[in-house]
Amino acid sequence: MWAWRSVVGRPLNLRFASTTASGSGGGAIRVWRPVARTVKWLAAYHLLVDNVLELNLTSGPSLMPTLQCAGDWCLIDKWRHARGKGVAVGDLVVVAKPGLTDVYVLKRVIGMPGDVVLLDPTVSMNEYIKVPEGHVWIVGDNLPHSTDSRHYGPVSMGLIRGRAVAIVYPEFRWIPRGMEELHQAPVARGFVSDTSR
């Protein structure tokens, strides 16, 4: 035990706990256990949000009427759909906006690699583009209010962060996979499949 003089002149007793393998040190271990537990939980949370699931608040009119302009909380599945794995036509995906990799957008996939899609149905019904390998064609359901592949071209599948699987707030509902919801979306008229493959 060490004894030092405190500011008021009384002896200040400091005890240095032993940290033996048997755990008889007591004090020091009791202090570090909660800290270690907190660090573990933060690391687990970071891994979960970065690689498995994420909750995102939507904003903007590009996916109306599927999603509200603001206030819908979407559950994003990153584990099975990162970098375009398992993504199908009609899925809502979170994509790093081309040229701005720290900005993410939620859009609908209407063209997979090799598909032929209508370039911009708001301008012409006669212009088509073939989606290159390793890319997807994404658009918003509300075409007049969406900045999407019509403006920046096909998007690399490597920019896909995940797929929206559910709306969790204000009212919980699952987001259907692929073509199940595409036929209801206004953008469905712009999709043409390439049957010559």
C-alpha atoms as a PDB file:
ATOM      1  CA  MET A   1       0.000   0.000   0.000  1.00  0.00           C
ATOM      2  CA  TRP A   2       1.204   3.443  -0.909  1.00  0.00           C
ATOM      3  CA  ALA A   3       0.572   6.537   1.188  1.00  0.00           C
ATOM      4  CA  TRP A   4       0.800   9.992  -0.331  1.00  0.00           C
ATOM      5  CA  ARG A   5      -0.173  13.334   1.103  1.00  0.00           C
ATOM      6  CA  SER A   6      -3.352  14.794  -0.349  1.00  0.00           C
ATOM      7  CA  VAL A   7      -4.011  18.476  -0.885  1.00  0.00           C
ATOM      8  CA  VAL A   8      -5.472  18.850   2.632  1.00  0.00           C
ATOM      9  CA  GLY A   9      -2.541  17.145   4.308  1.00  0.00           C
ATOM     10  CA  ARG A  10      -4.164  13.822   5.149  1.00  0.00           C
ATOM     11  CA  PRO A  11      -2.587  10.616   3.964  1.00  0.00           C
ATOM     12  CA  LEU A  12      -4.022   9.420   0.657  1.00  0.00           C
ATOM     13  CA  ASN A  13      -4.219   5.627   0.565  1.00  0.00           C
ATOM     14  CA  LEU A  14      -4.037   4.023  -2.855  1.00  0.00           C
ATOM     15  CA  ARG A  15      -4.451   0.308  -3.236  1.00  0.00           C
ATOM     16  CA  PHE A  16      -3.117  -1.421  -6.289  1.00  0.00           C
ATOM     17  CA  ALA A  17      -5.190  -4.526  -6.905  1.00  0.00           C
ATOM     18  CA  SER A  18      -3.451  -7.645  -7.958  1.00  0.00           C
ATOM     19  CA  THR A  19      -4.614  -9.075 -11.258  1.00  0.00           C
ATOM     20  CA  THR A  20      -3.833 -12.698 -10.811  1.00  0.00           C
ATOM     21  CA  ALA A  21      -5.231 -15.480 -12.960  1.00  0.00           C
ATOM     22  CA  SER A  22      -7.504 -16.580 -10.136  1.00  0.00           C
ATOM     23  CA  GLY A  23      -9.276 -13.217 -10.253  1.00  0.00           C
ATOM     24  CA  SER A  24      -8.636 -12.385  -6.618  1.00  0.00           C
ATOM     25  CA  GLY A  25      -7.662  -8.839  -7.578  1.00  0.00           C
ATOM     26  CA  GLY A  26     -11.249  -7.713  -7.278  1.00  0.00           C
ATOM     27  CA  GLY A  27     -11.250  -3.945  -7.809  1.00  0.00           C
ATOM     28  CA  ALA A  28      -9.447  -3.599 -11.106  1.00  0.00           C
ATOM     29  CA  ILE A  29     -11.350  -6.462 -12.696  1.00  0.00           C
ATOM     30  CA  ARG A  30     -14.703  -5.051 -11.572  1.00  0.00           C
ATOM     31  CA  VAL A  31     -13.862  -1.739 -13.228  1.00  0.00           C
ATOM     32  CA  TRP A  32     -12.740  -3.200 -16.563  1.00  0.00           C
ATOM     33  CA  ARG A  33     -15.488  -5.799 -17.051  1.00  0.00           C
ATOM     34  CA  PRO A  34     -18.205  -3.245 -17.878  1.00  0.00           C
ATOM     35  CA  VAL A  35     -15.817  -1.368 -20.145  1.00  0.00           C
ATOM     36  CA  ALA A  36     -14.871  -4.569 -21.986  1.00  0.00           C
ATOM     37  CA  ARG A  37     -18.541  -5.550 -22.252  1.00  0.00           C
ATOM     38  CA  THR A  38     -19.421  -2.119 -23.695  1.00  0.00           C
ATOM     39  CA  VAL A  39     -16.615  -2.325 -26.250  1.00  0.00           C
ATOM     40  CA  LYS A  40     -17.815  -5.796 -27.316  1.00  0.00           C
ATOM     41  CA  TRP A  41     -21.412  -4.553 -27.739  1.00  0.00           C
ATOM     42  CA  LEU A  42     -20.268  -1.552 -29.767  1.00  0.00           C
ATOM     43  CA  ALA A  43     -18.150  -3.793 -32.009  1.00  0.00           C
ATOM     44  CA  ALA A  44     -21.083  -6.193 -32.494  1.00  0.00           C
ATOM     45  CA  TYR A  45     -23.408  -3.271 -33.300  1.00  0.00           C
ATOM     46  CA  HIS A  46     -20.890  -1.889 -35.822  1.00  0.00           C
ATOM     47  CA  LEU A  47     -20.575  -5.279 -37.548  1.00  0.00           C
ATOM     48  CA  LEU A  48     -24.362  -5.673 -37.616  1.00  0.00           C
ATOM     49  CA  VAL A  49     -25.025  -2.248 -39.138  1.00  0.00           C
ATOM     50  CA  ASP A  50     -22.126  -2.399 -41.598  1.00  0.00           C
ATOM     51  CA  ASN A  51     -22.643  -5.952 -42.861  1.00  0.00           C
ATOM     52  CA  VAL A  52     -26.020  -7.441 -41.926  1.00  0.00           C
ATOM     53  CA  LEU A  53     -29.021  -5.124 -41.398  1.00  0.00           C
ATOM     54  CA  GLU A  54     -29.547  -1.400 -41.292  1.00  0.00           C
ATOM     55  CA  LEU A  55     -32.507   0.864 -40.577  1.00  0.00           C
ATOM     56  CA  ASN A  56     -32.770   3.913 -42.865  1.00  0.00           C
ATOM     57  CA  LEU A  57     -35.141   6.868 -42.885  1.00  0.00           C
ATOM     58  CA  THR A  58     -36.437   7.673 -46.373  1.00  0.00           C
ATOM     59  CA  SER A  59     -36.757  11.172 -47.766  1.00  0.00           C
ATOM     60  CA  GLY A  60     -37.748  12.527 -51.143  1.00  0.00           C
ATOM     61  CA  PRO A  61     -40.612  11.895 -53.577  1.00  0.00           C
ATOM     62  CA  SER A  62     -38.804   9.564 -56.020  1.00  0.00           C
ATOM     63  CA  LEU A  63     -40.485   6.364 -54.778  1.00  0.00           C
ATOM     64  CA  MET A  64     -44.012   7.683 -54.274  1.00  0.00           C
ATOM     65  CA  PRO A  65     -46.559   6.030 -54.005  1.00  0.00           C
ATOM     66  CA  THR A  66     -44.546   2.994 -52.816  1.00  0.00           C
ATOM     67  CA  LEU A  67     -42.936   5.035 -50.015  1.00  0.00           C
ATOM     68  CA  GLN A  68     -43.931   8.313 -48.416  1.00  0.00           C
ATOM     69  CA  CYS A  69     -41.908  11.468 -49.122  1.00  0.00           C
ATOM     70  CA  ALA A  70     -40.584  11.382 -45.555  1.00  0.00           C
ATOM     71  CA  GLY A  71     -41.020   9.320 -42.441  1.00  0.00           C
ATOM     72  CA  ASP A  72     -40.819   5.721 -43.697  1.00  0.00           C
ATOM     73  CA  TRP A  73     -38.167   3.648 -41.912  1.00  0.00           C
ATOM     74  CA  CYS A  74     -36.834   0.886 -44.207  1.00  0.00           C
ATOM     75  CA  LEU A  75     -35.031  -2.255 -43.086  1.00  0.00           C
ATOM     76  CA  ILE A  76     -32.098  -2.909 -45.444  1.00  0.00           C
ATOM     77  CA  ASP A  77     -30.685  -6.430 -45.877  1.00  0.00           C
ATOM     78  CA  LYS A  78     -26.958  -6.047 -46.535  1.00  0.00           C
ATOM     79  CA  TRP A  79     -25.955  -9.628 -45.745  1.00  0.00           C
ATOM     80  CA  ARG A  80     -27.580 -11.335 -48.743  1.00  0.00           C
ATOM     81  CA  HIS A  81     -27.693  -8.467 -51.238  1.00  0.00           C
ATOM     82  CA  ALA A  82     -24.478  -6.425 -50.937  1.00  0.00           C
ATOM     83  CA  ARG A  83     -22.765  -5.726 -54.256  1.00  0.00           C
ATOM     84  CA  GLY A  84     -25.860  -6.932 -56.137  1.00  0.00           C
ATOM     85  CA  LYS A  85     -25.896 -10.531 -54.887  1.00  0.00           C
ATOM     86  CA  GLY A  86     -29.379 -12.018 -55.283  1.00  0.00           C
ATOM     87  CA  VAL A  87     -30.922  -8.798 -56.598  1.00  0.00           C
ATOM     88  CA  ALA A  88     -33.745  -9.195 -59.128  1.00  0.00           C
ATOM     89  CA  VAL A  89     -35.788  -6.928 -61.363  1.00  0.00           C
ATOM     90  CA  GLY A  90     -38.325  -5.046 -59.250  1.00  0.00           C
ATOM     91  CA  ASP A  91     -36.270  -5.004 -56.036  1.00  0.00           C
ATOM     92  CA  LEU A  92     -35.763  -1.763 -54.130  1.00  0.00           C
ATOM     93  CA  VAL A  93     -32.024  -1.356 -53.532  1.00  0.00           C
ATOM     94  CA  VAL A  94     -29.803   1.085 -51.665  1.00  0.00           C
ATOM     95  CA  VAL A  95     -27.059   2.298 -53.986  1.00  0.00           C
ATOM     96  CA  ALA A  96     -24.084   4.606 -53.510  1.00  0.00           C
ATOM     97  CA  LYS A  97     -24.871   7.432 -55.899  1.00  0.00           C
ATOM     98  CA  PRO A  98     -22.370   7.409 -58.785  1.00  0.00           C
ATOM     99  CA  GLY A  99     -19.809  10.138 -58.300  1.00  0.00           C
ATOM    100  CA  LEU A 100     -20.850  10.685 -54.652  1.00  0.00           C
ATOM    101  CA  THR A 101     -19.955   7.480 -52.817  1.00  0.00           C
ATOM    102  CA  ASP A 102     -20.976   8.901 -49.429  1.00  0.00           C
ATOM    103  CA  VAL A 103     -24.545   9.633 -50.652  1.00  0.00           C
ATOM    104  CA  TYR A 104     -26.967   6.701 -50.837  1.00  0.00           C
ATOM    105  CA  VAL A 105     -30.213   6.485 -52.792  1.00  0.00           C
ATOM    106  CA  LEU A 106     -33.092   3.988 -52.683  1.00  0.00           C
ATOM    107  CA  LYS A 107     -34.285   3.034 -56.176  1.00  0.00           C
ATOM    108  CA  ARG A 108     -36.013   0.185 -58.017  1.00  0.00           C
ATOM    109  CA  VAL A 109     -34.062  -2.176 -60.294  1.00  0.00           C
ATOM    110  CA  ILE A 110     -35.751  -2.450 -63.696  1.00  0.00           C
ATOM    111  CA  GLY A 111     -32.838  -3.849 -65.688  1.00  0.00           C
ATOM    112  CA  MET A 112     -30.256  -6.525 -64.943  1.00  0.00           C
ATOM    113  CA  PRO A 113     -27.060  -7.179 -66.948  1.00  0.00           C
ATOM    114  CA  GLY A 114     -27.998  -7.946 -70.564  1.00  0.00           C
ATOM    115  CA  ASP A 115     -31.599  -6.640 -70.301  1.00  0.00           C
ATOM    116  CA  VAL A 116     -32.883  -4.043 -72.739  1.00  0.00           C
ATOM    117  CA  VAL A 117     -34.763  -1.189 -71.047  1.00  0.00           C
ATOM    118  CA  LEU A 118     -36.549   1.933 -72.159  1.00  0.00           C
ATOM    119  CA  LEU A 119     -34.040   4.763 -71.799  1.00  0.00           C
ATOM    120  CA  ASP A 120     -36.467   7.450 -70.567  1.00  0.00           C
ATOM    121  CA  PRO A 121     -40.228   6.918 -70.897  1.00  0.00           C
ATOM    122  CA  THR A 122     -40.849  10.587 -69.999  1.00  0.00           C
ATOM    123  CA  VAL A 123     -39.014  11.692 -73.167  1.00  0.00           C
ATOM    124  CA  SER A 124     -39.427   8.974 -75.814  1.00  0.00           C
ATOM    125  CA  MET A 125     -40.965   5.521 -76.042  1.00  0.00           C
ATOM    126  CA  ASN A 126     -38.560   4.529 -78.855  1.00  0.00           C
ATOM    127  CA  GLU A 127     -35.104   4.778 -77.259  1.00  0.00           C
ATOM    128  CA  TYR A 128     -33.716   1.627 -75.622  1.00  0.00           C
ATOM    129  CA  ILE A 129     -30.446   0.724 -73.972  1.00  0.00           C
ATOM    130  CA  LYS A 130     -28.867  -2.638 -73.215  1.00  0.00           C
ATOM    131  CA  VAL A 131     -27.630  -2.849 -69.626  1.00  0.00           C
ATOM    132  CA  PRO A 132     -23.902  -3.769 -69.655  1.00  0.00           C
ATOM    133  CA  GLU A 133     -22.480  -6.729 -67.721  1.00  0.00           C
ATOM    134  CA  GLY A 134     -21.897  -6.023 -64.046  1.00  0.00           C
ATOM    135  CA  HIS A 135     -24.426  -3.171 -64.021  1.00  0.00           C
ATOM    136  CA  VAL A 136     -28.109  -2.570 -63.255  1.00  0.00           C
ATOM    137  CA  TRP A 137     -30.615   0.017 -64.446  1.00  0.00           C
ATOM    138  CA  ILE A 138     -32.358   1.753 -61.520  1.00  0.00           C
ATOM    139  CA  VAL A 139     -35.210   4.260 -61.452  1.00  0.00           C
ATOM    140  CA  GLY A 140     -37.649   5.773 -58.995  1.00  0.00           C
ATOM    141  CA  ASP A 141     -41.356   4.942 -59.182  1.00  0.00           C
ATOM    142  CA  ASN A 142     -42.179   8.645 -59.465  1.00  0.00           C
ATOM    143  CA  LEU A 143     -40.284   9.344 -62.719  1.00  0.00           C
ATOM    144  CA  PRO A 144     -40.781  13.140 -62.933  1.00  0.00           C
ATOM    145  CA  HIS A 145     -39.277  13.544 -59.436  1.00  0.00           C
ATOM    146  CA  SER A 146     -36.421  11.038 -59.577  1.00  0.00           C
ATOM    147  CA  THR A 147     -32.740  11.340 -60.415  1.00  0.00           C
ATOM    148  CA  ASP A 148     -31.658   7.863 -61.473  1.00  0.00           C
ATOM    149  CA  SER A 149     -30.077   5.807 -64.282  1.00  0.00           C
ATOM    150  CA  ARG A 150     -31.846   8.007 -66.825  1.00  0.00           C
ATOM    151  CA  HIS A 151     -29.468  10.772 -65.665  1.00  0.00           C
ATOM    152  CA  TYR A 152     -26.263   8.947 -64.701  1.00  0.00           C
ATOM    153  CA  GLY A 153     -26.531   5.740 -66.741  1.00  0.00           C
ATOM    154  CA  PRO A 154     -26.221   2.105 -65.654  1.00  0.00           C
ATOM    155  CA  VAL A 155     -25.021   1.635 -62.075  1.00  0.00           C
ATOM    156  CA  SER A 156     -22.265  -0.812 -61.172  1.00  0.00           C
ATOM    157  CA  MET A 157     -23.503  -3.728 -59.046  1.00  0.00           C
ATOM    158  CA  GLY A 158     -20.525  -3.049 -56.777  1.00  0.00           C
ATOM    159  CA  LEU A 159     -22.267   0.149 -55.606  1.00  0.00           C
ATOM    160  CA  ILE A 160     -25.316  -1.743 -54.280  1.00  0.00           C
ATOM    161  CA  ARG A 161     -25.304  -1.704 -50.454  1.00  0.00           C
ATOM    162  CA  GLY A 162     -28.393  -3.866 -49.900  1.00  0.00           C
ATOM    163  CA  ARG A 163     -32.080  -4.482 -50.621  1.00  0.00           C
ATOM    164  CA  ALA A 164     -35.019  -2.910 -48.797  1.00  0.00           C
ATOM    165  CA  VAL A 165     -36.949  -5.816 -47.261  1.00  0.00           C
ATOM    166  CA  ALA A 166     -39.530  -4.071 -45.052  1.00  0.00           C
ATOM    167  CA  ILE A 167     -41.033  -0.802 -43.933  1.00  0.00           C
ATOM    168  CA  VAL A 168     -40.875  -0.913 -40.128  1.00  0.00           C
ATOM    169  CA  TYR A 169     -42.413   2.465 -39.267  1.00  0.00           C
ATOM    170  CA  PRO A 170     -45.026   4.057 -39.255  1.00  0.00           C
ATOM    171  CA  GLU A 171     -46.787   0.821 -40.237  1.00  0.00           C
ATOM    172  CA  PHE A 172     -44.901  -2.468 -40.607  1.00  0.00           C
ATOM    173  CA  ARG A 173     -45.133  -4.180 -43.998  1.00  0.00           C
ATOM    174  CA  TRP A 174     -42.867  -6.448 -46.028  1.00  0.00           C
ATOM    175  CA  ILE A 175     -41.634  -5.200 -49.387  1.00  0.00           C
ATOM    176  CA  PRO A 176     -42.339  -7.923 -51.975  1.00  0.00           C
ATOM    177  CA  ARG A 177     -39.485  -9.460 -53.963  1.00  0.00           C
ATOM    178  CA  GLY A 178     -38.818  -8.819 -57.626  1.00  0.00           C
ATOM    179  CA  MET A 179     -41.679  -8.765 -60.109  1.00  0.00           C
ATOM    180  CA  GLU A 180     -44.425  -9.107 -57.471  1.00  0.00           C
ATOM    181  CA  GLU A 181     -44.494  -5.353 -56.933  1.00  0.00           C
ATOM    182  CA  LEU A 182     -43.102  -4.190 -60.280  1.00  0.00           C
ATOM    183  CA  HIS A 183     -46.397  -4.640 -62.155  1.00  0.00           C
ATOM    184  CA  GLN A 184     -48.008  -2.138 -59.747  1.00  0.00           C
ATOM    185  CA  ALA A 185     -45.313   0.498 -60.133  1.00  0.00           C
ATOM    186  CA  PRO A 186     -45.767   3.274 -62.738  1.00  0.00           C
ATOM    187  CA  VAL A 187     -42.294   2.515 -64.108  1.00  0.00           C
ATOM    188  CA  ALA A 188     -43.389  -0.980 -65.217  1.00  0.00           C
ATOM    189  CA  ARG A 189     -44.405   0.386 -68.619  1.00  0.00           C
ATOM    190  CA  GLY A 190     -40.737   1.192 -69.311  1.00  0.00           C
ATOM    191  CA  PHE A 191     -39.380  -2.332 -68.819  1.00  0.00           C
ATOM    192  CA  VAL A 192     -38.588  -4.497 -71.837  1.00  0.00           C
ATOM    193  CA  SER A 193     -36.878  -7.865 -71.401  1.00  0.00           C
ATOM    194  CA  ASP A 194     -34.237  -8.993 -73.865  1.00  0.00           C
ATOM    195  CA  THR A 195     -35.541 -12.324 -75.213  1.00  0.00           C
ATOM    196  CA  SER A 196     -32.741 -12.801 -77.731  1.00  0.00           C
ATOM    197  CA  ARG A 197     -30.279 -14.171 -75.145  1.00  0.00           C
END
